[in-house]
Protein backbone atom coordinates (compact mmCIF):
# COMPACT_ATOMS: atom_id res chain seq x y z
CA MET A 1 43.80 9.24 -83.81
CA LYS A 2 46.05 7.02 -82.19
CA ALA A 3 45.48 3.80 -80.31
CA ARG A 4 44.74 4.17 -76.83
CA ARG A 5 47.84 2.39 -74.22
CA SER A 6 47.72 2.13 -70.44
CA GLU A 7 50.26 0.60 -68.04
CA THR A 8 51.30 -0.21 -64.70
CA ILE A 9 55.14 0.21 -63.69
CA LEU A 10 55.30 -1.40 -60.53
CA LYS A 11 59.08 -1.81 -58.49
CA TYR A 12 59.13 -4.45 -56.11
CA ASN A 13 61.88 -3.59 -52.86
CA GLY A 14 63.33 -0.22 -56.09
CA VAL A 15 63.31 -2.74 -58.65
CA GLU A 16 61.03 -2.15 -61.59
CA ILE A 17 59.32 -6.29 -62.51
CA THR A 18 56.52 -4.69 -64.77
CA PRO A 19 57.03 -7.05 -67.64
CA SER A 20 56.43 -9.66 -64.97
CA ILE A 21 52.75 -8.30 -64.20
CA THR A 22 50.08 -10.29 -65.36
CA GLY A 23 47.12 -8.15 -63.33
CA PHE A 24 46.90 -5.11 -60.98
CA SER A 25 44.51 -4.17 -58.67
CA LEU A 26 44.27 -0.23 -57.21
CA GLU A 27 41.91 0.44 -54.29
CA LEU A 28 41.18 3.89 -53.37
CA SER A 29 39.54 3.80 -50.27
CA ALA A 30 38.36 7.61 -48.65
CA GLU A 31 37.25 5.56 -45.38
CA GLY A 32 37.60 3.00 -43.50
CA THR A 33 40.00 0.33 -44.93
CA ALA A 34 43.40 1.61 -45.57
CA ASP A 35 44.14 1.62 -49.11
CA ASN A 36 45.75 -1.61 -51.05
CA CYS A 37 46.73 -3.20 -54.20
CA SER A 38 46.96 -6.33 -55.33
CA PHE A 39 48.90 -7.92 -58.63
CA GLU A 40 50.19 -11.21 -60.40
CA ILE A 41 53.89 -12.60 -60.80
CA ALA A 42 54.12 -14.71 -64.02
CA ASP A 43 57.16 -16.67 -62.34
CA ARG A 44 58.44 -18.11 -65.10
CA GLY A 45 61.85 -18.62 -64.50
CA GLU A 46 60.48 -20.26 -60.93
CA ARG A 47 62.40 -17.55 -59.37
CA TRP A 48 59.89 -16.10 -57.06
CA MET A 49 59.54 -19.47 -55.72
CA GLY A 50 62.64 -19.40 -53.72
CA ALA A 51 64.47 -16.39 -52.70
CA LEU A 52 62.57 -13.97 -53.75
CA PHE A 53 58.87 -14.99 -52.37
CA PRO A 54 57.29 -11.70 -51.32
CA LYS A 55 58.35 -11.39 -47.27
CA LYS A 56 55.89 -8.97 -44.74
CA GLY A 57 56.76 -5.59 -45.07
CA ASP A 58 59.03 -5.60 -48.73
CA THR A 59 57.59 -2.47 -50.71
CA VAL A 60 56.47 -1.53 -53.93
CA GLU A 61 55.84 1.37 -55.82
CA VAL A 62 53.89 1.46 -58.52
CA LYS A 63 52.17 3.90 -61.19
CA ILE A 64 49.53 3.55 -63.61
CA PHE A 65 50.37 5.53 -66.96
CA VAL A 66 47.64 6.21 -70.18
CA TYR A 67 48.69 7.54 -73.57
CA ASP A 68 46.35 8.79 -76.08
CA TRP A 69 43.64 8.14 -74.32
CA GLU A 70 40.64 10.38 -74.78
CA GLY A 71 42.48 11.59 -77.73
CA ASN A 72 45.38 12.17 -79.48
CA GLY A 73 48.14 13.42 -76.92
CA ASP A 74 46.02 12.38 -73.80
CA ASN A 75 48.70 11.46 -71.33
CA ARG A 76 48.17 10.82 -68.21
CA SER A 77 49.16 8.98 -64.74
CA LEU A 78 48.09 8.48 -61.25
CA SER A 79 50.72 7.87 -58.93
CA CYS A 80 49.17 5.03 -56.59
CA GLY A 81 52.14 5.26 -54.14
CA THR A 82 54.08 3.19 -51.82
CA PHE A 83 53.50 0.24 -50.16
CA THR A 84 54.14 -2.74 -48.20
CA VAL A 85 53.17 -6.00 -48.87
CA ASP A 86 51.16 -7.95 -46.40
CA SER A 87 50.01 -11.28 -47.98
CA ALA A 88 51.19 -13.55 -50.62
CA GLY A 89 50.71 -16.78 -51.75
CA ILE A 90 51.57 -19.25 -55.10
CA SER A 91 49.78 -21.27 -57.24
CA GLY A 92 50.39 -23.28 -60.12
CA GLU A 93 50.74 -24.51 -62.91
CA ALA A 94 51.57 -22.17 -64.43
CA VAL A 95 53.13 -21.10 -61.21
CA THR A 96 51.84 -17.41 -60.46
CA VAL A 97 52.47 -15.64 -57.25
CA SER A 98 49.81 -13.44 -56.21
CA VAL A 99 50.76 -10.51 -53.69
CA GLY A 100 48.97 -8.40 -51.59
CA ALA A 101 50.05 -5.00 -50.13
CA VAL A 102 48.40 -1.68 -48.27
CA ALA A 103 49.15 1.69 -47.99
CA LYS A 104 50.44 1.45 -43.99
CA PRO A 105 53.66 2.95 -42.07
CA ALA A 106 55.57 -0.65 -42.24
CA THR A 107 56.27 -0.60 -38.55
CA ALA A 108 53.59 -2.50 -36.87
CA ALA A 109 53.77 0.18 -34.16
CA PHE A 110 50.52 2.15 -35.81
CA SER A 111 48.53 -0.28 -35.73
CA ALA A 112 49.17 -3.28 -33.15
CA THR A 113 51.35 -1.24 -29.97
CA GLN A 114 48.58 -0.18 -27.42
CA ARG A 115 49.58 3.54 -26.11
CA THR A 116 48.48 5.01 -23.45
CA GLN A 117 48.91 9.15 -23.27
CA THR A 118 46.96 12.29 -22.26
CA TRP A 119 46.39 15.05 -24.55
CA GLN A 120 45.97 18.20 -23.09
CA ASN A 121 45.40 21.27 -25.02
CA ALA A 122 46.48 20.46 -28.02
CA THR A 123 44.85 20.74 -31.99
CA LEU A 124 43.58 18.17 -33.64
CA LYS A 125 46.09 19.32 -36.69
CA LYS A 126 48.99 18.92 -33.41
CA ILE A 127 48.16 15.04 -32.59
CA ALA A 128 47.93 14.31 -36.40
CA GLU A 129 51.22 16.37 -36.29
CA THR A 130 53.12 14.14 -33.82
CA ILE A 131 51.41 10.86 -34.41
CA ALA A 132 52.66 11.35 -37.95
CA GLY A 133 56.01 12.00 -36.82
CA ARG A 134 56.68 9.09 -34.93
CA TYR A 135 55.86 7.12 -38.26
CA GLN A 136 58.29 8.99 -40.85
CA LEU A 137 54.76 10.43 -42.39
CA ASN A 138 54.11 13.62 -43.03
CA LEU A 139 51.30 15.65 -42.70
CA PHE A 140 48.45 17.36 -45.21
CA TYR A 141 45.34 18.54 -43.25
CA ASP A 142 43.01 19.93 -45.13
CA ALA A 143 40.34 21.11 -42.56
CA ALA A 144 39.57 23.89 -39.60
CA GLU A 145 41.60 23.90 -36.44
CA ILE A 146 39.91 21.66 -33.59
CA LEU A 147 40.89 22.37 -30.37
CA ILE A 148 41.37 19.65 -27.71
CA LEU A 149 41.49 20.31 -24.17
CA ALA A 150 42.35 17.06 -22.86
CA LYS A 151 41.82 13.58 -24.29
CA GLU A 152 42.47 10.69 -22.63
CA GLN A 153 44.43 7.41 -24.70
CA SER A 154 44.26 4.64 -22.76
CA GLU A 155 45.62 1.66 -24.37
CA GLN A 156 44.62 1.96 -27.96
CA GLU A 157 46.90 2.36 -31.57
CA ASP A 158 47.45 4.78 -32.67
CA GLY A 159 45.72 4.23 -35.80
CA ALA A 160 42.71 3.32 -34.04
CA PHE A 161 43.12 6.39 -31.59
CA LEU A 162 43.30 9.23 -34.65
CA GLN A 163 40.52 7.61 -36.79
CA GLU A 164 38.34 7.31 -33.95
CA LEU A 165 39.37 11.18 -32.99
CA CYS A 166 38.96 11.94 -37.02
CA GLN A 167 35.77 10.56 -36.63
CA THR A 168 33.68 12.39 -33.79
CA TYR A 169 34.48 15.56 -36.23
CA GLY A 170 33.37 14.35 -39.11
CA LEU A 171 36.82 14.06 -40.28
CA ILE A 172 38.05 11.59 -43.31
CA LEU A 173 41.08 9.87 -41.79
CA LYS A 174 43.99 8.03 -44.52
CA ILE A 175 47.31 7.19 -45.58
CA TYR A 176 48.32 8.10 -49.32
CA ARG A 177 51.89 8.09 -50.97
CA ASP A 178 54.31 8.43 -47.79
CA LYS A 179 51.47 10.99 -46.37
CA LEU A 180 48.74 11.25 -43.46
CA VAL A 181 46.15 12.72 -45.01
CA ILE A 182 42.86 14.51 -42.85
CA PHE A 183 40.27 16.01 -44.77
CA ASP A 184 37.40 16.84 -44.30
CA ARG A 185 34.63 15.17 -46.36
CA GLU A 186 31.97 17.82 -45.52
CA GLY A 187 33.56 20.77 -47.29
CA TYR A 188 35.00 18.45 -49.83
CA LYS A 189 31.40 17.93 -51.15
CA LYS A 190 31.47 21.84 -51.87
CA LYS A 191 33.93 21.36 -54.70
CA ASN A 192 33.21 21.36 -58.60
CA PRO A 193 32.78 17.56 -60.25
CA VAL A 194 35.94 16.35 -61.59
CA LYS A 195 34.16 15.26 -64.24
CA THR A 196 30.88 14.35 -65.63
CA ILE A 197 29.92 10.55 -66.30
CA SER A 198 26.53 9.57 -68.34
CA ARG A 199 25.12 6.07 -67.91
CA PHE A 200 25.93 6.01 -71.47
CA GLU A 201 29.69 5.68 -70.38
CA ILE A 202 29.65 2.96 -67.30
CA LYS A 203 30.63 -0.52 -68.50
CA ARG A 204 27.31 -2.52 -69.77
CA GLU A 205 28.71 -5.88 -68.85
CA ALA A 206 29.11 -5.25 -65.13
CA GLY A 207 25.67 -2.78 -65.10
CA TRP A 208 24.79 -0.72 -62.32
CA ASN A 209 23.23 -0.55 -58.65
CA TYR A 210 21.40 2.07 -57.06
CA GLN A 211 20.08 1.43 -53.50
CA THR A 212 18.98 3.88 -51.13
CA ASP A 213 17.51 3.20 -47.31
CA LEU A 214 15.26 5.95 -44.96
CA GLU A 215 16.62 4.27 -42.64
CA GLY A 216 18.69 5.44 -40.33
CA SER A 217 18.54 9.24 -41.64
CA TYR A 218 18.20 12.38 -39.57
CA THR A 219 16.69 15.04 -40.04
CA GLY A 220 18.19 17.14 -36.97
CA GLY A 221 19.68 16.22 -33.63
CA ILE A 222 20.12 16.88 -30.20
CA ILE A 223 22.95 16.77 -27.92
CA THR A 224 23.78 17.10 -24.06
CA TYR A 225 26.64 17.55 -22.14
CA THR A 226 28.20 18.75 -18.94
CA ASP A 227 29.85 22.22 -18.43
CA ALA A 228 32.46 21.14 -16.79
CA LYS A 229 32.87 25.07 -14.53
CA THR A 230 28.59 24.88 -13.52
CA GLU A 231 27.99 21.53 -13.53
CA LYS A 232 25.34 22.01 -15.54
CA ASP A 233 23.49 19.68 -17.93
CA ILE A 234 23.32 22.15 -21.34
CA SER A 235 21.49 20.51 -24.73
CA TYR A 236 22.19 21.41 -28.14
CA GLU A 237 19.47 21.53 -31.28
CA VAL A 238 20.25 21.38 -34.42
CA GLY A 239 18.01 21.47 -37.95
CA THR A 240 14.51 19.87 -36.80
CA GLN A 241 13.17 17.19 -34.86
CA GLU A 242 10.84 15.07 -36.97
CA ARG A 243 14.06 12.90 -37.01
CA PRO A 244 16.43 14.01 -34.89
CA LEU A 245 19.91 12.37 -33.56
CA LYS A 246 19.94 12.56 -29.75
CA LEU A 247 23.75 12.14 -28.32
CA ASN A 248 25.43 12.69 -24.80
CA GLU A 249 28.62 13.42 -25.29
CA GLN A 250 31.01 15.20 -22.96
CA ALA A 251 32.54 18.50 -24.68
CA ASP A 252 34.57 21.44 -23.73
CA SER A 253 32.49 23.99 -25.44
CA LEU A 254 28.96 24.88 -26.93
CA GLY A 255 31.10 24.99 -29.91
CA ASP A 256 32.42 21.96 -29.24
CA ALA A 257 29.90 19.89 -28.62
CA LYS A 258 27.77 22.07 -31.76
CA ARG A 259 30.33 20.56 -33.76
CA LYS A 260 29.82 16.85 -32.76
CA LEU A 261 26.39 17.32 -33.16
CA GLU A 262 26.51 17.86 -36.37
CA ALA A 263 29.68 15.37 -37.45
CA ALA A 264 27.54 12.92 -36.10
CA ILE A 265 24.33 13.56 -38.15
CA ALA A 266 26.50 14.05 -41.08
CA ASN A 267 28.26 10.72 -41.04
CA ALA A 268 25.02 9.09 -40.66
CA ASN A 269 23.22 11.22 -43.41
CA HIS A 270 26.73 9.96 -45.66
CA ASP A 271 25.25 7.34 -47.85
CA LEU A 272 21.90 7.78 -47.87
CA PHE A 273 21.87 7.39 -51.71
CA ARG A 274 24.56 4.66 -52.66
CA LEU A 275 25.27 4.14 -56.87
CA SER A 276 28.02 1.42 -58.44
CA PHE A 277 29.12 1.48 -62.00
CA SER A 278 32.67 0.51 -64.00
CA VAL A 279 33.83 3.10 -66.64
CA MET A 280 36.96 3.15 -68.88
CA GLY A 281 39.41 3.49 -66.40
CA ASN A 282 40.56 6.82 -65.82
CA PRO A 283 43.33 8.27 -63.30
CA ASP A 284 41.67 11.22 -62.54
CA LEU A 285 38.97 8.97 -60.59
CA VAL A 286 39.85 9.04 -57.39
CA ASP A 287 38.34 8.94 -53.90
CA GLY A 288 37.01 12.23 -52.55
CA VAL A 289 36.19 14.06 -55.77
CA VAL A 290 32.58 14.96 -56.39
CA LEU A 291 31.90 14.00 -60.19
CA GLU A 292 28.17 14.44 -62.23
CA ILE A 293 26.33 11.29 -62.82
CA VAL A 294 24.00 12.63 -65.62
CA ASP A 295 21.30 10.66 -68.33
CA PHE A 296 19.97 8.47 -65.20
CA GLY A 297 16.22 10.05 -64.25
CA VAL A 298 15.84 12.72 -61.53
CA GLU A 299 16.10 10.25 -58.95
CA ILE A 300 19.52 8.83 -59.77
CA SER A 301 21.23 11.62 -61.50
CA GLY A 302 22.88 14.09 -59.50
CA ARG A 303 26.79 15.45 -58.18
CA TYR A 304 28.07 12.28 -55.92
CA PHE A 305 31.23 12.19 -53.92
CA VAL A 306 33.53 9.24 -54.76
CA ASP A 307 34.01 6.56 -51.57
CA LYS A 308 35.40 3.94 -53.67
CA ALA A 309 37.55 3.82 -56.63
CA VAL A 310 39.21 0.86 -57.80
CA HIS A 311 41.62 0.92 -60.45
CA SER A 312 42.73 -2.48 -62.15
CA LEU A 313 44.71 -3.36 -65.32
CA SER A 314 44.83 -6.53 -66.96
CA ARG A 315 45.54 -8.12 -69.91
CA GLY A 316 41.76 -9.54 -70.57
CA ASP A 317 39.82 -6.43 -69.82
CA GLY A 318 42.25 -3.36 -69.99
CA TYR A 319 41.88 -0.56 -67.94
CA VAL A 320 38.57 -0.47 -66.08
CA THR A 321 37.31 1.95 -62.92
CA ALA A 322 35.05 0.78 -60.59
CA LEU A 323 33.14 3.50 -57.93
CA GLU A 324 31.35 3.47 -55.38
CA MET A 325 30.05 6.64 -54.62
CA SER A 326 27.39 8.53 -52.15
CA LYS A 327 24.77 11.05 -53.40
CA ILE A 328 25.71 14.71 -51.97
CA ILE A 329 22.07 15.51 -50.93
């Protein structure tokens, strides 16, 4: 069997600087934070101390490659996408430049400029398409059509507004590879696992951690809203009422109320059982996929949704993937 090999190809403002990179880390998150990467540059010629010193908004393009990884001919890659630099530092001796970059539009307007707009008779997908177009992003939308009769965006950034809207309906929003991505997390949990991982594949030096917190879990819920036409209060229940989630929300219809309630319960119950560990690097292990975890016993073993995947490559430790997951119940 050939010796397995991994490498990162990194371009900075379109110029490949791979030979100067001493360490690289990519963090892919299904929700809450933008995907980001960080890396270190060995500045042997001290060029980065001068004119090349990273500037906010510089672009970083990254791909991870593995060769003969789990057998001869097992060659795979992970296209990490394009990032914009948002932090940099330098230290010595020897001179090393540390760079942090995030996967979001280079323009500050997406996450900094407040906007006021009233959205009427538009689907969530159409709203997302409009916002994506403002920042030259393509939209990848994998969820049901959701009609929004009226929604006020009041002095709110486009990114924060769309994130709030997606969360209300149980959808995940992220930016990946120059795309605005929206998908249904509960729907993705029903997909087949991309891989089965045994307890005995975990990197022993890092160990593993399992946490559960039943406080805050819900067996069902009830939502109360006022019908716009009759001005009467309407309630809708779902599940059992042992530990109910109670919502008082504006809703356009009974169907809208049902969707909001089910999304709120799913959001609250999502990470009741959490497992984290590190394994040999694998380009297939990304956020949003399902894994089958085995050899842990009945309590821990099962299907898990990957909330976060961190891919790290260094000269000392090689290629490692760290995972944070929520058990699918």
